[in-house]
Amino acid sequence: MSEIIFLVSPSAEGGYEARALGHSIFTEADDLDTLRRQIQDAIACHFEPSERPRLVRLHIVHEEVLPVEAPA
């Protein structure tokens, strides 16, 4: 496997959570730097060294809601 993708989103409790697509890997942290380290650790625990992906892609989702005003 050459790559694994994590979907990263803000946690309802604060901080961030990350879930691997296609694998049962989930982790969370208070900030993005810590989350990156947590993801590295989770991958090391989940895969044998010979099976680990070479790249990790983080797809960071940030939802924003904008009010739309009615035309005057």
C-alpha atoms as a PDB file:
ATOM      1  CA  MET A   1       0.000   0.000   0.000  1.00  0.00           C
ATOM      2  CA  SER A   2       1.442   3.342  -0.934  1.00  0.00           C
ATOM      3  CA  GLU A   3      -1.032   5.746   0.654  1.00  0.00           C
ATOM      4  CA  ILE A   4      -3.689   5.977   3.337  1.00  0.00           C
ATOM      5  CA  ILE A   5      -6.242   8.791   3.612  1.00  0.00           C
ATOM      6  CA  PHE A   6      -7.570  10.186   6.878  1.00  0.00           C
ATOM      7  CA  LEU A   7     -10.683  12.314   7.103  1.00  0.00           C
ATOM      8  CA  VAL A   8      -9.963  14.980   9.743  1.00  0.00           C
ATOM      9  CA  SER A   9     -12.732  17.074  11.283  1.00  0.00           C
ATOM     10  CA  PRO A  10     -13.256  19.237  14.348  1.00  0.00           C
ATOM     11  CA  SER A  11     -14.505  17.251  17.335  1.00  0.00           C
ATOM     12  CA  ALA A  12     -17.723  18.250  19.070  1.00  0.00           C
ATOM     13  CA  GLU A  13     -15.811  18.196  22.370  1.00  0.00           C
ATOM     14  CA  GLY A  14     -13.027  20.395  20.986  1.00  0.00           C
ATOM     15  CA  GLY A  15      -9.860  19.450  19.168  1.00  0.00           C
ATOM     16  CA  TYR A  16      -9.830  17.158  16.144  1.00  0.00           C
ATOM     17  CA  GLU A  17     -10.644  13.596  15.218  1.00  0.00           C
ATOM     18  CA  ALA A  18      -9.275  11.541  12.338  1.00  0.00           C
ATOM     19  CA  ARG A  19     -10.711   8.423  10.711  1.00  0.00           C
ATOM     20  CA  ALA A  20      -8.899   6.348   8.086  1.00  0.00           C
ATOM     21  CA  LEU A  21     -10.867   5.618   4.940  1.00  0.00           C
ATOM     22  CA  GLY A  22     -11.058   1.878   4.304  1.00  0.00           C
ATOM     23  CA  HIS A  23      -9.406   0.916   7.606  1.00  0.00           C
ATOM     24  CA  SER A  24     -10.605   0.719  11.193  1.00  0.00           C
ATOM     25  CA  ILE A  25      -8.245   3.408  12.498  1.00  0.00           C
ATOM     26  CA  PHE A  26      -9.530   6.328  14.571  1.00  0.00           C
ATOM     27  CA  THR A  27      -7.672   8.824  16.726  1.00  0.00           C
ATOM     28  CA  GLU A  28      -8.200  12.264  18.234  1.00  0.00           C
ATOM     29  CA  ALA A  29      -6.161  15.103  19.713  1.00  0.00           C
ATOM     30  CA  ASP A  30      -6.436  18.658  20.995  1.00  0.00           C
ATOM     31  CA  ASP A  31      -4.475  20.231  18.117  1.00  0.00           C
ATOM     32  CA  LEU A  32      -3.329  19.358  14.606  1.00  0.00           C
ATOM     33  CA  ASP A  33       0.348  18.847  15.499  1.00  0.00           C
ATOM     34  CA  THR A  34      -0.571  16.310  18.165  1.00  0.00           C
ATOM     35  CA  LEU A  35      -3.095  14.698  15.820  1.00  0.00           C
ATOM     36  CA  ARG A  36      -0.368  14.171  13.214  1.00  0.00           C
ATOM     37  CA  ARG A  37       1.743  12.353  15.808  1.00  0.00           C
ATOM     38  CA  GLN A  38      -1.274  10.307  16.938  1.00  0.00           C
ATOM     39  CA  ILE A  39      -1.948   9.262  13.334  1.00  0.00           C
ATOM     40  CA  GLN A  40       1.666   8.151  12.898  1.00  0.00           C
ATOM     41  CA  ASP A  41       1.426   6.109  16.103  1.00  0.00           C
ATOM     42  CA  ALA A  42      -1.923   4.584  15.088  1.00  0.00           C
ATOM     43  CA  ILE A  43      -0.492   3.508  11.732  1.00  0.00           C
ATOM     44  CA  ALA A  44       2.532   1.941  13.436  1.00  0.00           C
ATOM     45  CA  CYS A  45       0.202  -0.044  15.722  1.00  0.00           C
ATOM     46  CA  HIS A  46      -2.226  -1.076  12.968  1.00  0.00           C
ATOM     47  CA  PHE A  47       0.182  -2.246  10.255  1.00  0.00           C
ATOM     48  CA  GLU A  48       3.171  -4.558  10.208  1.00  0.00           C
ATOM     49  CA  PRO A  49       6.322  -2.660   9.153  1.00  0.00           C
ATOM     50  CA  SER A  50       6.350  -4.258   5.697  1.00  0.00           C
ATOM     51  CA  GLU A  51       2.671  -3.351   5.125  1.00  0.00           C
ATOM     52  CA  ARG A  52       2.694   0.284   6.285  1.00  0.00           C
ATOM     53  CA  PRO A  53       1.701   2.943   3.771  1.00  0.00           C
ATOM     54  CA  ARG A  54       4.480   5.212   2.581  1.00  0.00           C
ATOM     55  CA  LEU A  55       2.289   8.336   2.575  1.00  0.00           C
ATOM     56  CA  VAL A  56      -0.507   9.664   4.746  1.00  0.00           C
ATOM     57  CA  ARG A  57      -2.948  12.099   3.183  1.00  0.00           C
ATOM     58  CA  LEU A  58      -5.016  14.249   5.556  1.00  0.00           C
ATOM     59  CA  HIS A  59      -8.301  15.502   4.164  1.00  0.00           C
ATOM     60  CA  ILE A  60      -9.178  18.274   6.624  1.00  0.00           C
ATOM     61  CA  VAL A  61     -12.862  19.168   6.623  1.00  0.00           C
ATOM     62  CA  HIS A  62     -13.849  22.578   7.868  1.00  0.00           C
ATOM     63  CA  GLU A  63     -17.539  23.370   7.670  1.00  0.00           C
ATOM     64  CA  GLU A  64     -18.667  26.981   7.677  1.00  0.00           C
ATOM     65  CA  VAL A  65     -22.232  28.256   7.557  1.00  0.00           C
ATOM     66  CA  LEU A  66     -22.988  31.655   6.065  1.00  0.00           C
ATOM     67  CA  PRO A  67     -26.314  33.424   6.412  1.00  0.00           C
ATOM     68  CA  VAL A  68     -27.857  34.575   3.151  1.00  0.00           C
ATOM     69  CA  GLU A  69     -29.714  37.851   3.229  1.00  0.00           C
ATOM     70  CA  ALA A  70     -32.785  38.327   1.076  1.00  0.00           C
ATOM     71  CA  PRO A  71     -32.366  40.886  -1.721  1.00  0.00           C
ATOM     72  CA  ALA A  72     -33.737  44.332  -0.900  1.00  0.00           C
END
